[in-house]
C-alpha cells in the first residue's frame, strides 16, 4: 500500500507560510470558561495522587473543552497540521503544575511515547551547552544553536513554553507537503530521490544487536496520506558508518532542496512562543525548526520548553518504513522515567 507520489497534491496541509501568516487558523485562544475547566481538572488530578506517566485523559476530566480539543486534533491531523493554544497563565501555576496540565491536555490527543533511551516521556528543551554537530550523542534541543528543519519519531509533537529566551529562539514550521509540491512542479527527479531510502543515525541509542542506524525515505505515501521523515543531521552523521552507502551528488542536491525550500520566507511560518503557549504539530506533514537564541543569565529565566511525543488513534495504520524506528520508542516506553524539573539534575536527565 506504500508508494510514490510525483504529482502535486491539493490539500489544506500544503499551505505556504506567507498565505497563513496573518490568519488565525493555526491559533486558538483559551477562554475564561476553558481555563476554569483546566483548573478544575488540575484539582481533580492532584486529588488522585497520580503522577506522570500514569495519567490518562480520564484523570484530567474536561467538559466542553474536551470537545474543542477533538476539533483541534482534527485540524492537526487532517487540516493544516499545526495548532498553537494560547492563554494559559504561566504565573498562576508552579512548573510541576504546568507539566501536569500540559500532560493532561496531551492525554486527550493520544499516548505519550519515550523521547530517548532513558525513557523520558516529558522532555525538556533547554540549552545544556552541548553541540549536536560535534557530539553524535547530543540532541539539538540541548543547545542554543539554530535547529535545521526536521521532524520527530511520533504522530504529533507538542511544545509547552515555560520561559522565553532573551533574544531569538523563534519557532518555525514549514509544510512538507508544500515542499513536495514545489519539487513535484520544478524537480520531479528530486521527489523520486526523496521517495527512496536514506540512512539515519540512531545517535548511540541502538538496542543490543540493533544496527546503529535506521533506513527510511523522506517522502512516504501510504493509503493516500503523506508520511514525512526528515532529519538531515542524523542522515549526515550516519555517514560515519563504513557500511552505510555514501550519499550521492543527487541525494545531496535533494536534501539541499528540502532545506532551501523550508527556509524560503514564502513557505516557512515563524512564531514566537509566549510563556504558557502550547504548540502541537503533525509530524507527517510539517517540519519544524528553531532560530538560534541568546539566553538570560539567571537560571530561572533561561529558555525552557516541555515536549511531548504523542501517538494517536488516527495514525494506527502507518507505513512499514517507519516501523523500525517506532520499535525504538516502544522499547524505551517500556521503562518510562518520571520527569524532573530540577535544573541541577537536568544534565543527567537529558544526557544520552
Foldseek 3Di string as FASTA:
>chain_A
DKDADLAADDALLLDFQVVCQPPCPQEAEDDPVQLVLQVVLLVQLVVVVDAPPPDALVSRDGDPVLVVLVVVLCCLQGHNNKHKYDDNDLVVDDPRSLVVSLNNSVNSFFHFFADALQQAFKDKQFAQPDDCLVALQDDPSNHLAWAFWFFGQFFKKKKAWAAFFPDFWWKKKFWVSNLSNVCSVPPSVLSVVQQAKAKFACSPRDDVPDDRIAIFGQWMADPNDTAGGDDVSRRVVVVVDPVGDDQDPSNVVSVVSSRVVSPPNRGMHIDGDDHGMMMMGGRRTMIMITHRGHHDPDPVRGTMMIMTGGHGPVPPPDDPSSVVVVVSRVNSNVDHDGDDPDPVCNCVVRGD
